[in-house]
Amino acid sequence: MVLGIPKRTLIILAVLVGVVVIYAIGSDQRSSGAEGSASGGCTVTVTADILNVRSAPSLQGEIVGKLEQDAETEATKVVQNGFRRIDENRWAADEFLEPVDGASCG
């Protein structure tokens, strides 16, 4: 016993604190990576007449916006299931997005 607390309890608490710290650090890195991708010069042009922007990278994702043909928008380098991440909870079909000249979209 340390300070009146059983060692087993202290070990469990230490492990939980460690997991929370690791998760928090990883969360910060994921956020920074997404922001860095968009600011890293990934500008795309819409090639479809009207392109649905969805809340998730799938056809089942709720439509949260639309982009018209030839519209330019900032995007990230993240592509999942054929959808490019435009912003937080905003995805569009990558086949209808063309990087502008000089864009770094990965």
PDB file of N, CA and C in Angstrom:
ATOM      1  N   MET A   1       0.831  -1.181   0.000  1.00  0.00           N
ATOM      2  CA  MET A   1       0.000   0.000   0.000  1.00  0.00           C
ATOM      3  C   MET A   1       0.880   1.251   0.000  1.00  0.00           C
ATOM      4  N   VAL A   2       0.491   2.196  -0.840  1.00  0.00           N
ATOM      5  CA  VAL A   2       1.182   3.469  -0.914  1.00  0.00           C
ATOM      6  C   VAL A   2       0.144   4.552  -0.649  1.00  0.00           C
ATOM      7  N   LEU A   3       0.403   5.366   0.363  1.00  0.00           N
ATOM      8  CA  LEU A   3      -0.536   6.409   0.763  1.00  0.00           C
ATOM      9  C   LEU A   3      -1.927   5.852   1.046  1.00  0.00           C
ATOM     10  N   GLY A   4      -1.983   4.642   1.524  1.00  0.00           N
ATOM     11  CA  GLY A   4      -3.256   4.021   1.858  1.00  0.00           C
ATOM     12  C   GLY A   4      -4.022   3.491   0.657  1.00  0.00           C
ATOM     13  N   ILE A   5      -3.386   3.486  -0.543  1.00  0.00           N
ATOM     14  CA  ILE A   5      -4.037   2.993  -1.767  1.00  0.00           C
ATOM     15  C   ILE A   5      -3.329   1.714  -2.199  1.00  0.00           C
ATOM     16  N   PRO A   6      -4.068   0.651  -2.452  1.00  0.00           N
ATOM     17  CA  PRO A   6      -3.434  -0.597  -2.876  1.00  0.00           C
ATOM     18  C   PRO A   6      -2.635  -0.408  -4.175  1.00  0.00           C
ATOM     19  N   LYS A   7      -1.514  -1.136  -4.288  1.00  0.00           N
ATOM     20  CA  LYS A   7      -0.645  -1.033  -5.462  1.00  0.00           C
ATOM     21  C   LYS A   7      -1.401  -1.345  -6.755  1.00  0.00           C
ATOM     22  N   ARG A   8      -2.258  -2.321  -6.715  1.00  0.00           N
ATOM     23  CA  ARG A   8      -3.018  -2.707  -7.915  1.00  0.00           C
ATOM     24  C   ARG A   8      -3.858  -1.528  -8.427  1.00  0.00           C
ATOM     25  N   THR A   9      -4.480  -0.810  -7.528  1.00  0.00           N
ATOM     26  CA  THR A   9      -5.284   0.359  -7.905  1.00  0.00           C
ATOM     27  C   THR A   9      -4.395   1.448  -8.508  1.00  0.00           C
ATOM     28  N   LEU A  10      -3.237   1.677  -7.919  1.00  0.00           N
ATOM     29  CA  LEU A  10      -2.305   2.674  -8.448  1.00  0.00           C
ATOM     30  C   LEU A  10      -1.829   2.308  -9.848  1.00  0.00           C
ATOM     31  N   ILE A  11      -1.556   1.024 -10.078  1.00  0.00           N
ATOM     32  CA  ILE A  11      -1.112   0.573 -11.402  1.00  0.00           C
ATOM     33  C   ILE A  11      -2.212   0.801 -12.435  1.00  0.00           C
ATOM     34  N   ILE A  12      -3.437   0.459 -12.079  1.00  0.00           N
ATOM     35  CA  ILE A  12      -4.565   0.644 -13.004  1.00  0.00           C
ATOM     36  C   ILE A  12      -4.739   2.129 -13.322  1.00  0.00           C
ATOM     37  N   LEU A  13      -4.664   2.978 -12.311  1.00  0.00           N
ATOM     38  CA  LEU A  13      -4.788   4.420 -12.537  1.00  0.00           C
ATOM     39  C   LEU A  13      -3.659   4.945 -13.423  1.00  0.00           C
ATOM     40  N   ALA A  14      -2.447   4.474 -13.195  1.00  0.00           N
ATOM     41  CA  ALA A  14      -1.309   4.911 -14.005  1.00  0.00           C
ATOM     42  C   ALA A  14      -1.491   4.514 -15.469  1.00  0.00           C
ATOM     43  N   VAL A  15      -1.981   3.292 -15.704  1.00  0.00           N
ATOM     44  CA  VAL A  15      -2.213   2.831 -17.080  1.00  0.00           C
ATOM     45  C   VAL A  15      -3.298   3.684 -17.736  1.00  0.00           C
ATOM     46  N   LEU A  16      -4.379   3.956 -17.022  1.00  0.00           N
ATOM     47  CA  LEU A  16      -5.451   4.783 -17.584  1.00  0.00           C
ATOM     48  C   LEU A  16      -4.964   6.187 -17.925  1.00  0.00           C
ATOM     49  N   VAL A  17      -4.179   6.779 -17.043  1.00  0.00           N
ATOM     50  CA  VAL A  17      -3.627   8.109 -17.312  1.00  0.00           C
ATOM     51  C   VAL A  17      -2.725   8.059 -18.545  1.00  0.00           C
ATOM     52  N   GLY A  18      -1.922   7.020 -18.655  1.00  0.00           N
ATOM     53  CA  GLY A  18      -1.055   6.870 -19.820  1.00  0.00           C
ATOM     54  C   GLY A  18      -1.844   6.767 -21.116  1.00  0.00           C
ATOM     55  N   VAL A  19      -2.918   6.002 -21.110  1.00  0.00           N
ATOM     56  CA  VAL A  19      -3.754   5.850 -22.310  1.00  0.00           C
ATOM     57  C   VAL A  19      -4.369   7.194 -22.688  1.00  0.00           C
ATOM     58  N   VAL A  20      -4.863   7.939 -21.712  1.00  0.00           N
ATOM     59  CA  VAL A  20      -5.458   9.244 -21.994  1.00  0.00           C
ATOM     60  C   VAL A  20      -4.418  10.191 -22.585  1.00  0.00           C
ATOM     61  N   VAL A  21      -3.224  10.206 -22.044  1.00  0.00           N
ATOM     62  CA  VAL A  21      -2.161  11.076 -22.552  1.00  0.00           C
ATOM     63  C   VAL A  21      -1.800  10.693 -23.990  1.00  0.00           C
ATOM     64  N   ILE A  22      -1.643   9.414 -24.249  1.00  0.00           N
ATOM     65  CA  ILE A  22      -1.303   8.951 -25.601  1.00  0.00           C
ATOM     66  C   ILE A  22      -2.414   9.322 -26.581  1.00  0.00           C
ATOM     67  N   TYR A  23      -3.663   9.144 -26.195  1.00  0.00           N
ATOM     68  CA  TYR A  23      -4.784   9.496 -27.054  1.00  0.00           C
ATOM     69  C   TYR A  23      -4.796  10.997 -27.345  1.00  0.00           C
ATOM     70  N   ALA A  24      -4.561  11.815 -26.324  1.00  0.00           N
ATOM     71  CA  ALA A  24      -4.568  13.266 -26.502  1.00  0.00           C
ATOM     72  C   ALA A  24      -3.448  13.705 -27.440  1.00  0.00           C
ATOM     73  N   ILE A  25      -2.286  13.142 -27.295  1.00  0.00           N
ATOM     74  CA  ILE A  25      -1.158  13.481 -28.172  1.00  0.00           C
ATOM     75  C   ILE A  25      -1.471  13.066 -29.599  1.00  0.00           C
ATOM     76  N   GLY A  26      -2.004  11.874 -29.788  1.00  0.00           N
ATOM     77  CA  GLY A  26      -2.362  11.401 -31.121  1.00  0.00           C
ATOM     78  C   GLY A  26      -3.434  12.255 -31.759  1.00  0.00           C
ATOM     79  N   SER A  27      -4.404  12.712 -30.971  1.00  0.00           N
ATOM     80  CA  SER A  27      -5.482  13.563 -31.476  1.00  0.00           C
ATOM     81  C   SER A  27      -4.918  14.883 -31.984  1.00  0.00           C
ATOM     82  N   ASP A  28      -3.989  15.472 -31.253  1.00  0.00           N
ATOM     83  CA  ASP A  28      -3.363  16.722 -31.683  1.00  0.00           C
ATOM     84  C   ASP A  28      -2.610  16.529 -32.983  1.00  0.00           C
ATOM     85  N   GLN A  29      -1.908  15.417 -33.127  1.00  0.00           N
ATOM     86  CA  GLN A  29      -1.146  15.164 -34.345  1.00  0.00           C
ATOM     87  C   GLN A  29      -2.071  14.945 -35.535  1.00  0.00           C
ATOM     88  N   ARG A  30      -3.200  14.232 -35.328  1.00  0.00           N
ATOM     89  CA  ARG A  30      -4.147  14.021 -36.424  1.00  0.00           C
ATOM     90  C   ARG A  30      -4.734  15.348 -36.871  1.00  0.00           C
ATOM     91  N   SER A  31      -5.080  16.222 -35.955  1.00  0.00           N
ATOM     92  CA  SER A  31      -5.640  17.520 -36.304  1.00  0.00           C
ATOM     93  C   SER A  31      -4.623  18.349 -37.066  1.00  0.00           C
ATOM     94  N   SER A  32      -3.400  18.374 -36.604  1.00  0.00           N
ATOM     95  CA  SER A  32      -2.359  19.136 -37.267  1.00  0.00           C
ATOM     96  C   SER A  32      -2.099  18.591 -38.665  1.00  0.00           C
ATOM     97  N   GLY A  33      -2.133  17.286 -38.823  1.00  0.00           N
ATOM     98  CA  GLY A  33      -1.892  16.685 -40.131  1.00  0.00           C
ATOM     99  C   GLY A  33      -2.957  17.068 -41.125  1.00  0.00           C
ATOM    100  N   ALA A  34      -4.210  17.087 -40.726  1.00  0.00           N
ATOM    101  CA  ALA A  34      -5.296  17.438 -41.643  1.00  0.00           C
ATOM    102  C   ALA A  34      -5.191  18.906 -42.032  1.00  0.00           C
ATOM    103  N   GLU A  35      -4.901  19.781 -41.065  1.00  0.00           N
ATOM    104  CA  GLU A  35      -4.781  21.189 -41.367  1.00  0.00           C
ATOM    105  C   GLU A  35      -3.581  21.434 -42.263  1.00  0.00           C
ATOM    106  N   GLY A  36      -2.503  20.735 -41.992  1.00  0.00           N
ATOM    107  CA  GLY A  36      -1.315  20.905 -42.806  1.00  0.00           C
ATOM    108  C   GLY A  36      -1.544  20.467 -44.234  1.00  0.00           C
ATOM    109  N   SER A  37      -2.356  19.447 -44.441  1.00  0.00           N
ATOM    110  CA  SER A  37      -2.623  18.978 -45.788  1.00  0.00           C
ATOM    111  C   SER A  37      -3.384  20.018 -46.580  1.00  0.00           C
ATOM    112  N   ALA A  38      -4.404  20.610 -45.973  1.00  0.00           N
ATOM    113  CA  ALA A  38      -5.199  21.591 -46.693  1.00  0.00           C
ATOM    114  C   ALA A  38      -4.361  22.828 -46.978  1.00  0.00           C
ATOM    115  N   SER A  39      -3.562  23.273 -46.007  1.00  0.00           N
ATOM    116  CA  SER A  39      -2.767  24.464 -46.215  1.00  0.00           C
ATOM    117  C   SER A  39      -1.517  24.167 -47.032  1.00  0.00           C
ATOM    118  N   GLY A  40      -1.249  22.886 -47.299  1.00  0.00           N
ATOM    119  CA  GLY A  40      -0.083  22.501 -48.074  1.00  0.00           C
ATOM    120  C   GLY A  40      -0.295  22.660 -49.564  1.00  0.00           C
ATOM    121  N   GLY A  41      -1.424  23.224 -49.976  1.00  0.00           N
ATOM    122  CA  GLY A  41      -1.614  23.523 -51.379  1.00  0.00           C
ATOM    123  C   GLY A  41      -2.440  22.522 -52.149  1.00  0.00           C
ATOM    124  N   CYS A  42      -3.392  21.843 -51.531  1.00  0.00           N
ATOM    125  CA  CYS A  42      -4.254  20.915 -52.261  1.00  0.00           C
ATOM    126  C   CYS A  42      -5.539  21.638 -52.645  1.00  0.00           C
ATOM    127  N   THR A  43      -5.484  22.334 -53.763  1.00  0.00           N
ATOM    128  CA  THR A  43      -6.665  22.998 -54.311  1.00  0.00           C
ATOM    129  C   THR A  43      -7.158  22.162 -55.475  1.00  0.00           C
ATOM    130  N   VAL A  44      -8.461  21.926 -55.511  1.00  0.00           N
ATOM    131  CA  VAL A  44      -9.051  21.087 -56.558  1.00  0.00           C
ATOM    132  C   VAL A  44     -10.157  21.839 -57.280  1.00  0.00           C
ATOM    133  N   THR A  45     -10.431  21.402 -58.530  1.00  0.00           N
ATOM    134  CA  THR A  45     -11.516  21.942 -59.344  1.00  0.00           C
ATOM    135  C   THR A  45     -12.545  20.848 -59.553  1.00  0.00           C
ATOM    136  N   VAL A  46     -13.812  21.191 -59.478  1.00  0.00           N
ATOM    137  CA  VAL A  46     -14.905  20.240 -59.665  1.00  0.00           C
ATOM    138  C   VAL A  46     -15.113  20.014 -61.155  1.00  0.00           C
ATOM    139  N   THR A  47     -15.155  18.736 -61.579  1.00  0.00           N
ATOM    140  CA  THR A  47     -15.361  18.401 -62.984  1.00  0.00           C
ATOM    141  C   THR A  47     -16.789  17.948 -63.272  1.00  0.00           C
ATOM    142  N   ALA A  48     -17.565  17.620 -62.259  1.00  0.00           N
ATOM    143  CA  ALA A  48     -18.966  17.207 -62.449  1.00  0.00           C
ATOM    144  C   ALA A  48     -19.847  18.446 -62.582  1.00  0.00           C
ATOM    145  N   ASP A  49     -21.046  18.267 -63.161  1.00  0.00           N
ATOM    146  CA  ASP A  49     -21.996  19.381 -63.249  1.00  0.00           C
ATOM    147  C   ASP A  49     -22.332  19.893 -61.850  1.00  0.00           C
ATOM    148  N   ILE A  50     -22.754  18.978 -60.986  1.00  0.00           N
ATOM    149  CA  ILE A  50     -23.027  19.269 -59.573  1.00  0.00           C
ATOM    150  C   ILE A  50     -22.421  18.117 -58.777  1.00  0.00           C
ATOM    151  N   LEU A  51     -21.625  18.440 -57.769  1.00  0.00           N
ATOM    152  CA  LEU A  51     -20.972  17.411 -56.961  1.00  0.00           C
ATOM    153  C   LEU A  51     -21.499  17.491 -55.534  1.00  0.00           C
ATOM    154  N   ASN A  52     -22.067  16.384 -55.062  1.00  0.00           N
ATOM    155  CA  ASN A  52     -22.561  16.324 -53.686  1.00  0.00           C
ATOM    156  C   ASN A  52     -21.389  16.256 -52.711  1.00  0.00           C
ATOM    157  N   VAL A  53     -21.478  17.027 -51.654  1.00  0.00           N
ATOM    158  CA  VAL A  53     -20.515  16.971 -50.555  1.00  0.00           C
ATOM    159  C   VAL A  53     -21.218  16.225 -49.436  1.00  0.00           C
ATOM    160  N   ARG A  54     -20.554  15.180 -48.922  1.00  0.00           N
ATOM    161  CA  ARG A  54     -21.192  14.292 -47.953  1.00  0.00           C
ATOM    162  C   ARG A  54     -20.525  14.377 -46.588  1.00  0.00           C
ATOM    163  N   SER A  55     -21.259  13.909 -45.579  1.00  0.00           N
ATOM    164  CA  SER A  55     -20.766  13.954 -44.199  1.00  0.00           C
ATOM    165  C   SER A  55     -19.796  12.823 -43.884  1.00  0.00           C
ATOM    166  N   ALA A  56     -19.734  11.825 -44.768  1.00  0.00           N
ATOM    167  CA  ALA A  56     -18.855  10.666 -44.557  1.00  0.00           C
ATOM    168  C   ALA A  56     -18.354  10.201 -45.922  1.00  0.00           C
ATOM    169  N   PRO A  57     -17.255   9.465 -45.948  1.00  0.00           N
ATOM    170  CA  PRO A  57     -16.692   9.019 -47.226  1.00  0.00           C
ATOM    171  C   PRO A  57     -17.424   7.804 -47.809  1.00  0.00           C
ATOM    172  N   SER A  58     -18.713   7.974 -48.107  1.00  0.00           N
ATOM    173  CA  SER A  58     -19.496   6.915 -48.742  1.00  0.00           C
ATOM    174  C   SER A  58     -20.752   7.511 -49.345  1.00  0.00           C
ATOM    175  N   LEU A  59     -21.376   6.758 -50.232  1.00  0.00           N
ATOM    176  CA  LEU A  59     -22.627   7.208 -50.836  1.00  0.00           C
ATOM    177  C   LEU A  59     -23.748   7.272 -49.815  1.00  0.00           C
ATOM    178  N   GLN A  60     -23.590   6.584 -48.688  1.00  0.00           N
ATOM    179  CA  GLN A  60     -24.598   6.612 -47.632  1.00  0.00           C
ATOM    180  C   GLN A  60     -24.461   7.843 -46.738  1.00  0.00           C
ATOM    181  N   GLY A  61     -23.353   8.568 -46.859  1.00  0.00           N
ATOM    182  CA  GLY A  61     -23.166   9.767 -46.047  1.00  0.00           C
ATOM    183  C   GLY A  61     -24.190  10.834 -46.408  1.00  0.00           C
ATOM    184  N   GLU A  62     -24.681  11.534 -45.415  1.00  0.00           N
ATOM    185  CA  GLU A  62     -25.671  12.597 -45.634  1.00  0.00           C
ATOM    186  C   GLU A  62     -25.087  13.690 -46.522  1.00  0.00           C
ATOM    187  N   ILE A  63     -25.882  14.200 -47.461  1.00  0.00           N
ATOM    188  CA  ILE A  63     -25.448  15.306 -48.310  1.00  0.00           C
ATOM    189  C   ILE A  63     -25.494  16.579 -47.471  1.00  0.00           C
ATOM    190  N   VAL A  64     -24.327  17.227 -47.334  1.00  0.00           N
ATOM    191  CA  VAL A  64     -24.229  18.426 -46.499  1.00  0.00           C
ATOM    192  C   VAL A  64     -23.925  19.680 -47.322  1.00  0.00           C
ATOM    193  N   GLY A  65     -23.821  19.507 -48.637  1.00  0.00           N
ATOM    194  CA  GLY A  65     -23.550  20.646 -49.507  1.00  0.00           C
ATOM    195  C   GLY A  65     -23.397  20.190 -50.943  1.00  0.00           C
ATOM    196  N   LYS A  66     -23.229  21.145 -51.836  1.00  0.00           N
ATOM    197  CA  LYS A  66     -23.035  20.849 -53.259  1.00  0.00           C
ATOM    198  C   LYS A  66     -21.999  21.808 -53.815  1.00  0.00           C
ATOM    199  N   LEU A  67     -21.238  21.327 -54.794  1.00  0.00           N
ATOM    200  CA  LEU A  67     -20.268  22.162 -55.489  1.00  0.00           C
ATOM    201  C   LEU A  67     -20.612  22.146 -56.978  1.00  0.00           C
ATOM    202  N   GLU A  68     -20.544  23.295 -57.629  1.00  0.00           N
ATOM    203  CA  GLU A  68     -20.853  23.384 -59.052  1.00  0.00           C
ATOM    204  C   GLU A  68     -19.602  23.147 -59.885  1.00  0.00           C
ATOM    205  N   GLN A  69     -19.818  22.801 -61.152  1.00  0.00           N
ATOM    206  CA  GLN A  69     -18.711  22.549 -62.081  1.00  0.00           C
ATOM    207  C   GLN A  69     -17.792  23.768 -62.140  1.00  0.00           C
ATOM    208  N   ASP A  70     -16.506  23.499 -62.197  1.00  0.00           N
ATOM    209  CA  ASP A  70     -15.425  24.484 -62.273  1.00  0.00           C
ATOM    210  C   ASP A  70     -15.188  25.239 -60.965  1.00  0.00           C
ATOM    211  N   ALA A  71     -15.931  24.909 -59.916  1.00  0.00           N
ATOM    212  CA  ALA A  71     -15.668  25.538 -58.616  1.00  0.00           C
ATOM    213  C   ALA A  71     -14.326  25.034 -58.097  1.00  0.00           C
ATOM    214  N   GLU A  72     -13.572  25.918 -57.471  1.00  0.00           N
ATOM    215  CA  GLU A  72     -12.306  25.531 -56.848  1.00  0.00           C
ATOM    216  C   GLU A  72     -12.503  25.538 -55.339  1.00  0.00           C
ATOM    217  N   THR A  73     -11.898  24.539 -54.681  1.00  0.00           N
ATOM    218  CA  THR A  73     -11.990  24.456 -53.225  1.00  0.00           C
ATOM    219  C   THR A  73     -10.710  23.859 -52.670  1.00  0.00           C
ATOM    220  N   GLU A  74     -10.417  24.234 -51.438  1.00  0.00           N
ATOM    221  CA  GLU A  74      -9.292  23.620 -50.736  1.00  0.00           C
ATOM    222  C   GLU A  74      -9.719  22.229 -50.291  1.00  0.00           C
ATOM    223  N   ALA A  75      -8.795  21.298 -50.290  1.00  0.00           N
ATOM    224  CA  ALA A  75      -9.068  19.928 -49.866  1.00  0.00           C
ATOM    225  C   ALA A  75      -7.855  19.427 -49.094  1.00  0.00           C
ATOM    226  N   THR A  76      -7.986  18.234 -48.554  1.00  0.00           N
ATOM    227  CA  THR A  76      -6.850  17.603 -47.878  1.00  0.00           C
ATOM    228  C   THR A  76      -6.295  16.521 -48.792  1.00  0.00           C
ATOM    229  N   LYS A  77      -5.212  15.915 -48.376  1.00  0.00           N
ATOM    230  CA  LYS A  77      -4.610  14.818 -49.126  1.00  0.00           C
ATOM    231  C   LYS A  77      -5.266  13.484 -48.812  1.00  0.00           C
ATOM    232  N   VAL A  78      -6.197  13.475 -47.864  1.00  0.00           N
ATOM    233  CA  VAL A  78      -6.831  12.240 -47.401  1.00  0.00           C
ATOM    234  C   VAL A  78      -7.891  11.786 -48.396  1.00  0.00           C
ATOM    235  N   VAL A  79      -7.719  10.544 -48.917  1.00  0.00           N
ATOM    236  CA  VAL A  79      -8.711   9.925 -49.794  1.00  0.00           C
ATOM    237  C   VAL A  79      -9.077   8.591 -49.168  1.00  0.00           C
ATOM    238  N   GLN A  80     -10.391   8.368 -48.994  1.00  0.00           N
ATOM    239  CA  GLN A  80     -10.881   7.152 -48.354  1.00  0.00           C
ATOM    240  C   GLN A  80     -12.105   6.676 -49.122  1.00  0.00           C
ATOM    241  N   ASN A  81     -12.116   5.411 -49.510  1.00  0.00           N
ATOM    242  CA  ASN A  81     -13.249   4.818 -50.235  1.00  0.00           C
ATOM    243  C   ASN A  81     -13.597   5.609 -51.493  1.00  0.00           C
ATOM    244  N   GLY A  82     -12.609   6.238 -52.128  1.00  0.00           N
ATOM    245  CA  GLY A  82     -12.859   7.003 -53.346  1.00  0.00           C
ATOM    246  C   GLY A  82     -13.365   8.418 -53.095  1.00  0.00           C
ATOM    247  N   PHE A  83     -13.386   8.852 -51.836  1.00  0.00           N
ATOM    248  CA  PHE A  83     -13.838  10.197 -51.481  1.00  0.00           C
ATOM    249  C   PHE A  83     -12.672  10.982 -50.905  1.00  0.00           C
ATOM    250  N   ARG A  84     -12.540  12.241 -51.327  1.00  0.00           N
ATOM    251  CA  ARG A  84     -11.493  13.120 -50.803  1.00  0.00           C
ATOM    252  C   ARG A  84     -12.090  13.974 -49.688  1.00  0.00           C
ATOM    253  N   ARG A  85     -11.331  14.092 -48.623  1.00  0.00           N
ATOM    254  CA  ARG A  85     -11.771  14.921 -47.491  1.00  0.00           C
ATOM    255  C   ARG A  85     -11.579  16.383 -47.859  1.00  0.00           C
ATOM    256  N   ILE A  86     -12.677  17.123 -47.824  1.00  0.00           N
ATOM    257  CA  ILE A  86     -12.646  18.547 -48.130  1.00  0.00           C
ATOM    258  C   ILE A  86     -12.374  19.338 -46.859  1.00  0.00           C
ATOM    259  N   ASP A  87     -13.026  18.932 -45.798  1.00  0.00           N
ATOM    260  CA  ASP A  87     -12.930  19.622 -44.517  1.00  0.00           C
ATOM    261  C   ASP A  87     -13.447  18.656 -43.461  1.00  0.00           C
ATOM    262  N   GLU A  88     -13.507  19.084 -42.234  1.00  0.00           N
ATOM    263  CA  GLU A  88     -14.040  18.250 -41.161  1.00  0.00           C
ATOM    264  C   GLU A  88     -15.465  17.821 -41.500  1.00  0.00           C
ATOM    265  N   ASN A  89     -15.704  16.510 -41.589  1.00  0.00           N
ATOM    266  CA  ASN A  89     -17.022  15.943 -41.905  1.00  0.00           C
ATOM    267  C   ASN A  89     -17.567  16.402 -43.254  1.00  0.00           C
ATOM    268  N   ARG A  90     -16.677  16.643 -44.220  1.00  0.00           N
ATOM    269  CA  ARG A  90     -17.090  17.028 -45.581  1.00  0.00           C
ATOM    270  C   ARG A  90     -16.223  16.251 -46.572  1.00  0.00           C
ATOM    271  N   TRP A  91     -16.876  15.417 -47.378  1.00  0.00           N
ATOM    272  CA  TRP A  91     -16.192  14.546 -48.323  1.00  0.00           C
ATOM    273  C   TRP A  91     -16.843  14.668 -49.694  1.00  0.00           C
ATOM    274  N   ALA A  92     -16.053  14.530 -50.761  1.00  0.00           N
ATOM    275  CA  ALA A  92     -16.582  14.560 -52.119  1.00  0.00           C
ATOM    276  C   ALA A  92     -15.893  13.477 -52.938  1.00  0.00           C
ATOM    277  N   ALA A  93     -16.622  12.934 -53.924  1.00  0.00           N
ATOM    278  CA  ALA A  93     -16.067  11.863 -54.767  1.00  0.00           C
ATOM    279  C   ALA A  93     -14.820  12.369 -55.477  1.00  0.00           C
ATOM    280  N   ASP A  94     -13.693  11.705 -55.240  1.00  0.00           N
ATOM    281  CA  ASP A  94     -12.406  12.148 -55.774  1.00  0.00           C
ATOM    282  C   ASP A  94     -12.348  12.085 -57.290  1.00  0.00           C
ATOM    283  N   GLU A  95     -13.131  11.195 -57.901  1.00  0.00           N
ATOM    284  CA  GLU A  95     -13.091  11.073 -59.364  1.00  0.00           C
ATOM    285  C   GLU A  95     -13.588  12.334 -60.062  1.00  0.00           C
ATOM    286  N   PHE A  96     -14.305  13.201 -59.342  1.00  0.00           N
ATOM    287  CA  PHE A  96     -14.823  14.438 -59.915  1.00  0.00           C
ATOM    288  C   PHE A  96     -14.069  15.669 -59.424  1.00  0.00           C
ATOM    289  N   LEU A  97     -12.910  15.434 -58.821  1.00  0.00           N
ATOM    290  CA  LEU A  97     -12.053  16.528 -58.344  1.00  0.00           C
ATOM    291  C   LEU A  97     -10.708  16.455 -59.043  1.00  0.00           C
ATOM    292  N   GLU A  98     -10.323  17.519 -59.694  1.00  0.00           N
ATOM    293  CA  GLU A  98      -9.055  17.579 -60.431  1.00  0.00           C
ATOM    294  C   GLU A  98      -8.147  18.598 -59.748  1.00  0.00           C
ATOM    295  N   PRO A  99      -6.942  18.170 -59.312  1.00  0.00           N
ATOM    296  CA  PRO A  99      -6.030  19.154 -58.699  1.00  0.00           C
ATOM    297  C   PRO A  99      -5.672  20.251 -59.689  1.00  0.00           C
ATOM    298  N   VAL A 100      -5.631  21.482 -59.223  1.00  0.00           N
ATOM    299  CA  VAL A 100      -5.215  22.589 -60.085  1.00  0.00           C
ATOM    300  C   VAL A 100      -3.710  22.462 -60.343  1.00  0.00           C
ATOM    301  N   ASP A 101      -3.227  23.132 -61.382  1.00  0.00           N
ATOM    302  CA  ASP A 101      -1.797  23.088 -61.707  1.00  0.00           C
ATOM    303  C   ASP A 101      -0.976  23.533 -60.516  1.00  0.00           C
ATOM    304  N   GLY A 102       0.016  22.730 -60.165  1.00  0.00           N
ATOM    305  CA  GLY A 102       0.904  23.039 -59.071  1.00  0.00           C
ATOM    306  C   GLY A 102       0.389  22.623 -57.691  1.00  0.00           C
ATOM    307  N   ALA A 103      -0.812  22.048 -57.640  1.00  0.00           N
ATOM    308  CA  ALA A 103      -1.366  21.629 -56.352  1.00  0.00           C
ATOM    309  C   ALA A 103      -0.654  20.378 -55.858  1.00  0.00           C
ATOM    310  N   SER A 104      -0.501  20.295 -54.556  1.00  0.00           N
ATOM    311  CA  SER A 104       0.132  19.132 -53.926  1.00  0.00           C
ATOM    312  C   SER A 104      -0.944  18.339 -53.182  1.00  0.00           C
ATOM    313  N   CYS A 105      -1.622  17.459 -53.922  1.00  0.00           N
ATOM    314  CA  CYS A 105      -2.740  16.707 -53.337  1.00  0.00           C
ATOM    315  C   CYS A 105      -2.391  15.260 -53.055  1.00  0.00           C
ATOM    316  N   GLY A 106      -1.140  14.888 -53.193  1.00  0.00           N
ATOM    317  CA  GLY A 106      -0.709  13.538 -52.856  1.00  0.00           C
ATOM    318  C   GLY A 106      -1.074  12.570 -53.856  1.00  0.00           C
TER     319      GLY A 106
END
